[in-house]
Structure formats: structure tokens, C-alpha cells
PDB file of N, CA and C in Angstrom:
ATOM      1  N   UNK A   1     -36.854-166.658  27.759  1.00  0.00           N
ATOM      2  CA  UNK A   1     -37.518-167.926  28.369  1.00  0.00           C
ATOM      3  C   UNK A   1     -36.494-169.072  28.373  1.00  0.00           C
ATOM      4  N   UNK A   2     -36.741-169.957  29.196  1.00  0.00           N
ATOM      5  CA  UNK A   2     -35.992-171.206  29.253  1.00  0.00           C
ATOM      6  C   UNK A   2     -36.844-172.273  28.730  1.00  0.00           C
ATOM      7  N   UNK A   3     -36.297-173.112  27.856  1.00  0.00           N
ATOM      8  CA  UNK A   3     -36.990-174.145  27.114  1.00  0.00           C
ATOM      9  C   UNK A   3     -36.305-175.458  27.125  1.00  0.00           C
ATOM     10  N   UNK A   4     -36.997-176.390  26.652  1.00  0.00           N
ATOM     11  CA  UNK A   4     -36.421-177.771  26.560  1.00  0.00           C
ATOM     12  C   UNK A   4     -35.427-177.785  25.323  1.00  0.00           C
ATOM     13  N   UNK A   5     -34.515-178.795  25.308  1.00  0.00           N
ATOM     14  CA  UNK A   5     -33.592-178.892  24.194  1.00  0.00           C
ATOM     15  C   UNK A   5     -34.369-179.080  22.939  1.00  0.00           C
ATOM     16  N   UNK A   6     -35.442-179.821  22.940  1.00  0.00           N
ATOM     17  CA  UNK A   6     -36.202-180.092  21.601  1.00  0.00           C
ATOM     18  C   UNK A   6     -36.856-178.737  21.143  1.00  0.00           C
ATOM     19  N   UNK A   7     -37.351-177.965  22.063  1.00  0.00           N
ATOM     20  CA  UNK A   7     -38.001-176.678  21.673  1.00  0.00           C
ATOM     21  C   UNK A   7     -36.886-175.684  21.298  1.00  0.00           C
ATOM     22  N   UNK A   8     -35.703-175.778  21.856  1.00  0.00           N
ATOM     23  CA  UNK A   8     -34.661-174.984  21.520  1.00  0.00           C
ATOM     24  C   UNK A   8     -34.126-175.133  20.081  1.00  0.00           C
ATOM     25  N   UNK A   9     -34.034-176.460  19.685  1.00  0.00           N
ATOM     26  CA  UNK A   9     -33.681-176.766  18.369  1.00  0.00           C
ATOM     27  C   UNK A   9     -34.584-176.415  17.288  1.00  0.00           C
ATOM     28  N   UNK A  10     -35.902-176.389  17.636  1.00  0.00           N
ATOM     29  CA  UNK A  10     -36.939-176.040  16.720  1.00  0.00           C
ATOM     30  C   UNK A  10     -37.394-174.585  16.823  1.00  0.00           C
ATOM     31  N   UNK A  11     -36.782-173.736  17.687  1.00  0.00           N
ATOM     32  CA  UNK A  11     -37.151-172.443  17.968  1.00  0.00           C
ATOM     33  C   UNK A  11     -38.641-172.335  18.350  1.00  0.00           C
ATOM     34  N   UNK A  12     -39.077-173.357  19.096  1.00  0.00           N
ATOM     35  CA  UNK A  12     -40.447-173.386  19.498  1.00  0.00           C
ATOM     36  C   UNK A  12     -40.631-172.711  20.897  1.00  0.00           C
ATOM     37  N   UNK A  13     -41.395-171.604  20.944  1.00  0.00           N
ATOM     38  CA  UNK A  13     -41.589-170.878  22.143  1.00  0.00           C
ATOM     39  C   UNK A  13     -42.905-171.078  22.769  1.00  0.00           C
ATOM     40  N   UNK A  14     -43.700-172.109  22.304  1.00  0.00           N
ATOM     41  CA  UNK A  14     -44.978-172.177  22.804  1.00  0.00           C
ATOM     42  C   UNK A  14     -45.178-172.949  24.195  1.00  0.00           C
ATOM     43  N   UNK A  15     -44.212-173.578  24.695  1.00  0.00           N
ATOM     44  CA  UNK A  15     -44.235-174.366  25.913  1.00  0.00           C
ATOM     45  C   UNK A  15     -42.898-174.055  26.788  1.00  0.00           C
ATOM     46  N   UNK A  16     -42.639-172.838  27.236  1.00  0.00           N
ATOM     47  CA  UNK A  16     -41.417-172.690  27.907  1.00  0.00           C
ATOM     48  C   UNK A  16     -41.504-173.208  29.291  1.00  0.00           C
ATOM     49  N   UNK A  17     -40.341-173.635  29.865  1.00  0.00           N
ATOM     50  CA  UNK A  17     -40.176-174.077  31.198  1.00  0.00           C
ATOM     51  C   UNK A  17     -40.204-172.908  32.206  1.00  0.00           C
ATOM     52  N   UNK A  18     -39.693-171.737  31.705  1.00  0.00           N
ATOM     53  CA  UNK A  18     -39.762-170.566  32.541  1.00  0.00           C
ATOM     54  C   UNK A  18     -39.877-169.359  31.548  1.00  0.00           C
ATOM     55  N   UNK A  19     -40.573-168.387  31.927  1.00  0.00           N
ATOM     56  CA  UNK A  19     -40.840-167.193  31.085  1.00  0.00           C
ATOM     57  C   UNK A  19     -40.857-165.987  31.903  1.00  0.00           C
ATOM     58  N   UNK A  20     -40.201-164.823  31.505  1.00  0.00           N
ATOM     59  CA  UNK A  20     -40.282-163.559  32.124  1.00  0.00           C
ATOM     60  C   UNK A  20     -40.007-162.529  31.122  1.00  0.00           C
ATOM     61  N   UNK A  21     -40.772-161.507  31.242  1.00  0.00           N
ATOM     62  CA  UNK A  21     -40.562-160.288  30.324  1.00  0.00           C
ATOM     63  C   UNK A  21     -40.397-158.990  31.148  1.00  0.00           C
ATOM     64  N   UNK A  22     -39.983-159.014  32.398  1.00  0.00           N
ATOM     65  CA  UNK A  22     -39.983-157.940  33.264  1.00  0.00           C
ATOM     66  C   UNK A  22     -38.722-157.067  33.005  1.00  0.00           C
ATOM     67  N   UNK A  23     -37.692-157.611  32.556  1.00  0.00           N
ATOM     68  CA  UNK A  23     -36.450-156.877  32.476  1.00  0.00           C
ATOM     69  C   UNK A  23     -35.700-156.912  33.763  1.00  0.00           C
ATOM     70  N   UNK A  24     -36.167-157.570  34.763  1.00  0.00           N
ATOM     71  CA  UNK A  24     -35.527-157.655  36.119  1.00  0.00           C
ATOM     72  C   UNK A  24     -35.635-159.048  36.650  1.00  0.00           C
ATOM     73  N   UNK A  25     -35.216-159.996  35.910  1.00  0.00           N
ATOM     74  CA  UNK A  25     -35.410-161.344  36.244  1.00  0.00           C
ATOM     75  C   UNK A  25     -34.185-161.999  36.733  1.00  0.00           C
ATOM     76  N   UNK A  26     -34.313-162.857  37.815  1.00  0.00           N
ATOM     77  CA  UNK A  26     -33.277-163.695  38.330  1.00  0.00           C
ATOM     78  C   UNK A  26     -33.537-165.080  37.981  1.00  0.00           C
ATOM     79  N   UNK A  27     -32.713-165.813  37.402  1.00  0.00           N
ATOM     80  CA  UNK A  27     -32.925-167.246  37.176  1.00  0.00           C
ATOM     81  C   UNK A  27     -31.871-168.025  37.767  1.00  0.00           C
ATOM     82  N   UNK A  28     -32.174-168.918  38.679  1.00  0.00           N
ATOM     83  CA  UNK A  28     -31.239-169.829  39.383  1.00  0.00           C
ATOM     84  C   UNK A  28     -30.852-171.034  38.614  1.00  0.00           C
ATOM     85  N   UNK A  29     -29.564-171.173  38.258  1.00  0.00           N
ATOM     86  CA  UNK A  29     -29.004-172.338  37.680  1.00  0.00           C
ATOM     87  C   UNK A  29     -28.707-173.407  38.772  1.00  0.00           C
ATOM     88  N   UNK A  30     -29.810-174.076  39.109  1.00  0.00           N
ATOM     89  CA  UNK A  30     -29.746-174.896  40.305  1.00  0.00           C
ATOM     90  C   UNK A  30     -29.342-176.335  40.254  1.00  0.00           C
ATOM     91  N   UNK A  31     -28.765-176.708  39.047  1.00  0.00           N
ATOM     92  CA  UNK A  31     -28.366-178.022  38.869  1.00  0.00           C
ATOM     93  C   UNK A  31     -27.242-177.983  37.757  1.00  0.00           C
ATOM     94  N   UNK A  32     -26.443-179.017  37.741  1.00  0.00           N
ATOM     95  CA  UNK A  32     -25.450-179.047  36.619  1.00  0.00           C
ATOM     96  C   UNK A  32     -26.146-179.571  35.400  1.00  0.00           C
ATOM     97  N   UNK A  33     -25.675-179.308  34.302  1.00  0.00           N
ATOM     98  CA  UNK A  33     -26.148-179.658  32.998  1.00  0.00           C
ATOM     99  C   UNK A  33     -26.480-178.502  32.064  1.00  0.00           C
ATOM    100  N   UNK A  34     -27.323-178.624  31.104  1.00  0.00           N
ATOM    101  CA  UNK A  34     -27.483-177.674  30.070  1.00  0.00           C
ATOM    102  C   UNK A  34     -28.766-176.849  30.313  1.00  0.00           C
ATOM    103  N   UNK A  35     -28.769-175.554  30.086  1.00  0.00           N
ATOM    104  CA  UNK A  35     -29.907-174.789  30.136  1.00  0.00           C
ATOM    105  C   UNK A  35     -30.100-174.081  28.859  1.00  0.00           C
ATOM    106  N   UNK A  36     -31.211-174.176  28.218  1.00  0.00           N
ATOM    107  CA  UNK A  36     -31.535-173.533  26.908  1.00  0.00           C
ATOM    108  C   UNK A  36     -32.430-172.373  27.048  1.00  0.00           C
ATOM    109  N   UNK A  37     -31.988-171.148  26.484  1.00  0.00           N
ATOM    110  CA  UNK A  37     -32.646-170.002  26.553  1.00  0.00           C
ATOM    111  C   UNK A  37     -32.898-169.366  25.135  1.00  0.00           C
ATOM    112  N   UNK A  38     -33.987-168.839  24.941  1.00  0.00           N
ATOM    113  CA  UNK A  38     -34.301-168.091  23.675  1.00  0.00           C
ATOM    114  C   UNK A  38     -35.358-167.000  23.919  1.00  0.00           C
ATOM    115  N   UNK A  39     -35.288-166.124  22.901  1.00  0.00           N
ATOM    116  CA  UNK A  39     -36.378-165.019  22.907  1.00  0.00           C
ATOM    117  C   UNK A  39     -37.643-165.579  22.457  1.00  0.00           C
ATOM    118  N   UNK A  40     -38.751-165.197  23.074  1.00  0.00           N
ATOM    119  CA  UNK A  40     -40.059-165.687  22.666  1.00  0.00           C
ATOM    120  C   UNK A  40     -40.706-164.787  21.587  1.00  0.00           C
ATOM    121  N   UNK A  41     -40.082-163.750  21.146  1.00  0.00           N
ATOM    122  CA  UNK A  41     -40.661-162.860  20.155  1.00  0.00           C
ATOM    123  C   UNK A  41     -40.501-163.611  18.714  1.00  0.00           C
ATOM    124  N   UNK A  42     -41.505-163.613  18.047  1.00  0.00           N
ATOM    125  CA  UNK A  42     -41.616-164.253  16.735  1.00  0.00           C
ATOM    126  C   UNK A  42     -40.425-163.820  15.864  1.00  0.00           C
ATOM    127  N   UNK A  43     -39.680-164.767  15.326  1.00  0.00           N
ATOM    128  CA  UNK A  43     -38.553-164.616  14.424  1.00  0.00           C
ATOM    129  C   UNK A  43     -37.248-164.317  15.106  1.00  0.00           C
ATOM    130  N   UNK A  44     -37.208-163.939  16.408  1.00  0.00           N
ATOM    131  CA  UNK A  44     -35.996-163.672  17.078  1.00  0.00           C
ATOM    132  C   UNK A  44     -35.050-164.943  17.215  1.00  0.00           C
ATOM    133  N   UNK A  45     -35.609-166.055  17.559  1.00  0.00           N
ATOM    134  CA  UNK A  45     -34.840-167.311  17.738  1.00  0.00           C
ATOM    135  C   UNK A  45     -34.237-167.727  16.378  1.00  0.00           C
ATOM    136  N   UNK A  46     -34.891-167.563  15.381  1.00  0.00           N
ATOM    137  CA  UNK A  46     -34.398-167.881  14.019  1.00  0.00           C
ATOM    138  C   UNK A  46     -33.263-166.960  13.593  1.00  0.00           C
ATOM    139  N   UNK A  47     -33.296-165.676  14.094  1.00  0.00           N
ATOM    140  CA  UNK A  47     -32.200-164.777  13.825  1.00  0.00           C
ATOM    141  C   UNK A  47     -31.026-164.957  14.830  1.00  0.00           C
ATOM    142  N   UNK A  48     -31.060-165.930  15.647  1.00  0.00           N
ATOM    143  CA  UNK A  48     -29.922-166.273  16.589  1.00  0.00           C
ATOM    144  C   UNK A  48     -30.110-165.709  17.978  1.00  0.00           C
ATOM    145  N   UNK A  49     -31.133-165.252  18.406  1.00  0.00           N
ATOM    146  CA  UNK A  49     -31.383-164.791  19.755  1.00  0.00           C
ATOM    147  C   UNK A  49     -31.638-165.886  20.686  1.00  0.00           C
ATOM    148  N   UNK A  50     -30.731-166.705  20.935  1.00  0.00           N
ATOM    149  CA  UNK A  50     -30.884-167.917  21.784  1.00  0.00           C
ATOM    150  C   UNK A  50     -29.460-168.208  22.291  1.00  0.00           C
ATOM    151  N   UNK A  51     -29.409-168.944  23.397  1.00  0.00           N
ATOM    152  CA  UNK A  51     -28.144-169.316  24.000  1.00  0.00           C
ATOM    153  C   UNK A  51     -28.296-170.610  24.713  1.00  0.00           C
ATOM    154  N   UNK A  52     -27.225-171.315  24.912  1.00  0.00           N
ATOM    155  CA  UNK A  52     -27.102-172.560  25.675  1.00  0.00           C
ATOM    156  C   UNK A  52     -26.121-172.262  26.840  1.00  0.00           C
ATOM    157  N   UNK A  53     -26.412-172.579  28.065  1.00  0.00           N
ATOM    158  CA  UNK A  53     -25.541-172.425  29.213  1.00  0.00           C
ATOM    159  C   UNK A  53     -25.231-173.835  29.764  1.00  0.00           C
ATOM    160  N   UNK A  54     -24.003-174.176  29.897  1.00  0.00           N
ATOM    161  CA  UNK A  54     -23.583-175.427  30.442  1.00  0.00           C
ATOM    162  C   UNK A  54     -23.072-175.233  31.876  1.00  0.00           C
ATOM    163  N   UNK A  55     -23.710-175.834  32.942  1.00  0.00           N
ATOM    164  CA  UNK A  55     -23.291-175.567  34.279  1.00  0.00           C
ATOM    165  C   UNK A  55     -22.485-176.822  34.672  1.00  0.00           C
ATOM    166  N   UNK A  56     -21.381-176.650  35.152  1.00  0.00           N
ATOM    167  CA  UNK A  56     -20.509-177.779  35.567  1.00  0.00           C
ATOM    168  C   UNK A  56     -20.303-177.795  37.114  1.00  0.00           C
ATOM    169  N   UNK A  57     -20.741-178.778  37.736  1.00  0.00           N
ATOM    170  CA  UNK A  57     -20.467-178.904  39.163  1.00  0.00           C
ATOM    171  C   UNK A  57     -18.940-179.158  39.503  1.00  0.00           C
ATOM    172  N   UNK A  58     -18.577-178.885  40.695  1.00  0.00           N
ATOM    173  CA  UNK A  58     -17.215-178.909  41.006  1.00  0.00           C
ATOM    174  C   UNK A  58     -16.685-180.377  40.910  1.00  0.00           C
ATOM    175  N   UNK A  59     -17.424-181.366  41.098  1.00  0.00           N
ATOM    176  CA  UNK A  59     -16.963-182.826  40.911  1.00  0.00           C
ATOM    177  C   UNK A  59     -16.871-183.191  39.436  1.00  0.00           C
ATOM    178  N   UNK A  60     -17.410-182.350  38.513  1.00  0.00           N
ATOM    179  CA  UNK A  60     -17.353-182.631  37.028  1.00  0.00           C
ATOM    180  C   UNK A  60     -16.161-181.873  36.400  1.00  0.00           C
ATOM    181  N   UNK A  61     -15.659-180.875  37.063  1.00  0.00           N
ATOM    182  CA  UNK A  61     -14.645-180.017  36.472  1.00  0.00           C
ATOM    183  C   UNK A  61     -13.373-180.790  36.386  1.00  0.00           C
ATOM    184  N   UNK A  62     -12.728-180.637  35.195  1.00  0.00           N
ATOM    185  CA  UNK A  62     -11.405-181.318  35.003  1.00  0.00           C
ATOM    186  C   UNK A  62     -10.604-180.292  34.236  1.00  0.00           C
ATOM    187  N   UNK A  63      -9.262-180.398  34.401  1.00  0.00           N
ATOM    188  CA  UNK A  63      -8.355-179.535  33.625  1.00  0.00           C
ATOM    189  C   UNK A  63      -7.977-180.343  32.307  1.00  0.00           C
ATOM    190  N   UNK A  64      -7.188-179.813  31.485  1.00  0.00           N
ATOM    191  CA  UNK A  64      -6.790-180.503  30.271  1.00  0.00           C
ATOM    192  C   UNK A  64      -5.979-181.762  30.446  1.00  0.00           C
ATOM    193  N   UNK A  65      -5.456-181.986  31.614  1.00  0.00           N
ATOM    194  CA  UNK A  65      -4.690-183.199  31.930  1.00  0.00           C
ATOM    195  C   UNK A  65      -5.592-184.310  32.504  1.00  0.00           C
ATOM    196  N   UNK A  66      -6.802-183.948  32.611  1.00  0.00           N
ATOM    197  CA  UNK A  66      -7.748-185.019  33.094  1.00  0.00           C
ATOM    198  C   UNK A  66      -7.873-184.982  34.622  1.00  0.00           C
ATOM    199  N   UNK A  67      -7.090-184.197  35.314  1.00  0.00           N
ATOM    200  CA  UNK A  67      -7.208-184.175  36.703  1.00  0.00           C
ATOM    201  C   UNK A  67      -8.388-183.240  37.235  1.00  0.00           C
ATOM    202  N   UNK A  68      -8.949-183.564  38.352  1.00  0.00           N
ATOM    203  CA  UNK A  68     -10.072-182.767  38.809  1.00  0.00           C
ATOM    204  C   UNK A  68      -9.505-181.457  39.398  1.00  0.00           C
ATOM    205  N   UNK A  69     -10.174-180.431  39.202  1.00  0.00           N
ATOM    206  CA  UNK A  69      -9.829-179.111  39.674  1.00  0.00           C
ATOM    207  C   UNK A  69     -10.776-178.770  40.874  1.00  0.00           C
ATOM    208  N   UNK A  70     -10.317-177.929  41.690  1.00  0.00           N
ATOM    209  CA  UNK A  70     -11.092-177.554  42.754  1.00  0.00           C
ATOM    210  C   UNK A  70     -11.981-176.282  42.448  1.00  0.00           C
ATOM    211  N   UNK A  71     -13.200-176.255  42.725  1.00  0.00           N
ATOM    212  CA  UNK A  71     -14.086-175.117  42.538  1.00  0.00           C
ATOM    213  C   UNK A  71     -14.006-174.252  43.825  1.00  0.00           C
ATOM    214  N   UNK A  72     -14.030-172.966  43.593  1.00  0.00           N
ATOM    215  CA  UNK A  72     -14.064-172.079  44.648  1.00  0.00           C
ATOM    216  C   UNK A  72     -15.281-171.165  44.659  1.00  0.00           C
ATOM    217  N   UNK A  73     -15.637-170.509  45.779  1.00  0.00           N
ATOM    218  CA  UNK A  73     -16.791-169.584  45.666  1.00  0.00           C
ATOM    219  C   UNK A  73     -16.573-168.567  44.639  1.00  0.00           C
ATOM    220  N   UNK A  74     -15.366-168.058  44.420  1.00  0.00           N
ATOM    221  CA  UNK A  74     -15.156-167.059  43.477  1.00  0.00           C
ATOM    222  C   UNK A  74     -15.481-167.489  42.063  1.00  0.00           C
ATOM    223  N   UNK A  75     -15.235-168.832  41.813  1.00  0.00           N
ATOM    224  CA  UNK A  75     -15.661-169.371  40.508  1.00  0.00           C
ATOM    225  C   UNK A  75     -17.164-169.335  40.269  1.00  0.00           C
ATOM    226  N   UNK A  76     -17.840-169.586  41.386  1.00  0.00           N
ATOM    227  CA  UNK A  76     -19.398-169.429  41.272  1.00  0.00           C
ATOM    228  C   UNK A  76     -19.846-167.902  40.965  1.00  0.00           C
ATOM    229  N   UNK A  77     -19.149-167.052  41.495  1.00  0.00           N
ATOM    230  CA  UNK A  77     -19.385-165.626  41.289  1.00  0.00           C
ATOM    231  C   UNK A  77     -19.112-165.229  39.780  1.00  0.00           C
ATOM    232  N   UNK A  78     -17.941-165.809  39.371  1.00  0.00           N
ATOM    233  CA  UNK A  78     -17.623-165.483  37.981  1.00  0.00           C
ATOM    234  C   UNK A  78     -18.654-165.995  37.020  1.00  0.00           C
ATOM    235  N   UNK A  79     -19.140-167.314  37.277  1.00  0.00           N
ATOM    236  CA  UNK A  79     -20.100-167.837  36.460  1.00  0.00           C
ATOM    237  C   UNK A  79     -21.372-167.006  36.470  1.00  0.00           C
ATOM    238  N   UNK A  80     -21.834-166.471  37.567  1.00  0.00           N
ATOM    239  CA  UNK A  80     -22.960-165.654  37.717  1.00  0.00           C
ATOM    240  C   UNK A  80     -22.708-164.295  36.868  1.00  0.00           C
ATOM    241  N   UNK A  81     -21.546-163.864  36.872  1.00  0.00           N
ATOM    242  CA  UNK A  81     -21.215-162.699  36.118  1.00  0.00           C
ATOM    243  C   UNK A  81     -21.147-162.888  34.740  1.00  0.00           C
ATOM    244  N   UNK A  82     -20.762-163.972  34.350  1.00  0.00           N
ATOM    245  CA  UNK A  82     -20.790-164.419  32.853  1.00  0.00           C
ATOM    246  C   UNK A  82     -22.162-164.619  32.373  1.00  0.00           C
ATOM    247  N   UNK A  83     -22.999-165.302  33.260  1.00  0.00           N
ATOM    248  CA  UNK A  83     -24.409-165.395  32.952  1.00  0.00           C
ATOM    249  C   UNK A  83     -25.200-164.008  32.727  1.00  0.00           C
ATOM    250  N   UNK A  84     -24.898-163.162  33.630  1.00  0.00           N
ATOM    251  CA  UNK A  84     -25.468-161.858  33.522  1.00  0.00           C
ATOM    252  C   UNK A  84     -25.031-161.129  32.313  1.00  0.00           C
ATOM    253  N   UNK A  85     -23.793-161.204  31.951  1.00  0.00           N
ATOM    254  CA  UNK A  85     -23.284-160.632  30.732  1.00  0.00           C
ATOM    255  C   UNK A  85     -24.011-161.207  29.441  1.00  0.00           C
ATOM    256  N   UNK A  86     -24.164-162.538  29.483  1.00  0.00           N
ATOM    257  CA  UNK A  86     -24.946-163.145  28.387  1.00  0.00           C
ATOM    258  C   UNK A  86     -26.344-162.692  28.260  1.00  0.00           C
ATOM    259  N   UNK A  87     -27.043-162.663  29.391  1.00  0.00           N
ATOM    260  CA  UNK A  87     -28.340-162.104  29.317  1.00  0.00           C
ATOM    261  C   UNK A  87     -28.423-160.803  28.966  1.00  0.00           C
ATOM    262  N   UNK A  88     -27.473-159.930  29.285  1.00  0.00           N
ATOM    263  CA  UNK A  88     -27.466-158.504  28.856  1.00  0.00           C
ATOM    264  C   UNK A  88     -27.284-158.495  27.317  1.00  0.00           C
ATOM    265  N   UNK A  89     -26.464-159.322  26.818  1.00  0.00           N
ATOM    266  CA  UNK A  89     -26.240-159.331  25.357  1.00  0.00           C
ATOM    267  C   UNK A  89     -27.534-159.776  24.650  1.00  0.00           C
ATOM    268  N   UNK A  90     -28.226-160.830  25.209  1.00  0.00           N
ATOM    269  CA  UNK A  90     -29.460-161.191  24.585  1.00  0.00           C
ATOM    270  C   UNK A  90     -30.446-160.076  24.610  1.00  0.00           C
ATOM    271  N   UNK A  91     -30.499-159.280  25.789  1.00  0.00           N
ATOM    272  CA  UNK A  91     -31.502-158.228  25.836  1.00  0.00           C
ATOM    273  C   UNK A  91     -31.076-157.095  24.831  1.00  0.00           C
ATOM    274  N   UNK A  92     -29.831-156.814  24.712  1.00  0.00           N
ATOM    275  CA  UNK A  92     -29.492-155.843  23.670  1.00  0.00           C
ATOM    276  C   UNK A  92     -29.814-156.276  22.301  1.00  0.00           C
ATOM    277  N   UNK A  93     -29.547-157.544  22.019  1.00  0.00           N
ATOM    278  CA  UNK A  93     -29.988-158.022  20.653  1.00  0.00           C
ATOM    279  C   UNK A  93     -31.478-157.849  20.462  1.00  0.00           C
ATOM    280  N   UNK A  94     -32.211-158.218  21.486  1.00  0.00           N
ATOM    281  CA  UNK A  94     -33.687-157.928  21.425  1.00  0.00           C
ATOM    282  C   UNK A  94     -34.038-156.531  21.059  1.00  0.00           C
ATOM    283  N   UNK A  95     -33.458-155.670  21.707  1.00  0.00           N
ATOM    284  CA  UNK A  95     -33.656-154.200  21.486  1.00  0.00           C
ATOM    285  C   UNK A  95     -33.323-153.809  20.076  1.00  0.00           C
ATOM    286  N   UNK A  96     -32.050-154.177  19.670  1.00  0.00           N
ATOM    287  CA  UNK A  96     -31.506-153.923  18.414  1.00  0.00           C
ATOM    288  C   UNK A  96     -32.464-154.503  17.265  1.00  0.00           C
ATOM    289  N   UNK A  97     -33.090-155.596  17.495  1.00  0.00           N
ATOM    290  CA  UNK A  97     -33.940-156.136  16.495  1.00  0.00           C
ATOM    291  C   UNK A  97     -35.053-155.223  16.096  1.00  0.00           C
ATOM    292  N   UNK A  98     -35.594-154.535  17.134  1.00  0.00           N
ATOM    293  CA  UNK A  98     -36.608-153.627  16.746  1.00  0.00           C
ATOM    294  C   UNK A  98     -36.073-152.242  16.136  1.00  0.00           C
ATOM    295  N   UNK A  99     -34.856-151.983  16.312  1.00  0.00           N
ATOM    296  CA  UNK A  99     -34.276-150.782  15.716  1.00  0.00           C
ATOM    297  C   UNK A  99     -33.915-151.148  14.262  1.00  0.00           C
ATOM    298  N   UNK A 100     -33.296-152.279  13.937  1.00  0.00           N
ATOM    299  CA  UNK A 100     -32.753-152.566  12.685  1.00  0.00           C
ATOM    300  C   UNK A 100     -33.500-153.523  11.880  1.00  0.00           C
ATOM    301  N   UNK A 101     -34.591-154.093  12.327  1.00  0.00           N
ATOM    302  CA  UNK A 101     -35.466-154.998  11.505  1.00  0.00           C
ATOM    303  C   UNK A 101     -36.741-154.380  11.174  1.00  0.00           C
TER     304      UNK A 101
END
């Protein structure tokens, strides 16, 4: 589920901005900024099953020298791939919690 920063900090899953438990969910990161995700299963967030994703728009990206860098379509695809990898890891942690806890 996607939650507010306040709910993320408190591991409060009672008022999610977005919720899905189908296993086949697509979530669009449709603006720059932070997105906060956590498991809604009792105790999972407290055991670390949560993540923050920071989306940077092309006009916000800078390299270490302070110069703006150009974003390319391939960078957007890479970000999508990273996001899918993070969600996969979160899902595996969810399954593992049932096996090991």
C-alpha cells in the first residue's frame, strides 16, 4: 500500500492512499517527490517491510558538480525496472515472513 509520510513513520496502515493485494498491481509514479510504501499485514512494517521511493524529474536531476543532467527515455525505463525489483523484494519479504515468523 502507498501511504502518507506520517503513516509511514508510524507504521499506520489504516488510511492508505492506495491499496492492492492482487499480486499483479501497476502503480504509476506520476509526479516527482517521495512515495511511501508499506505492507499492510500486522507487524510487517515494524519488521522493516516498507520502502521510500524518490522520483526525480529531469529538471531536478543534477550531477555531483551541480550541473543539470539530461534525462533520457532509457532512464525512465531503468527507474521502472528498479521499482519493479523493489516491489519484488517487498513481496518476497512478505512471503518469507509467513515461512520464518
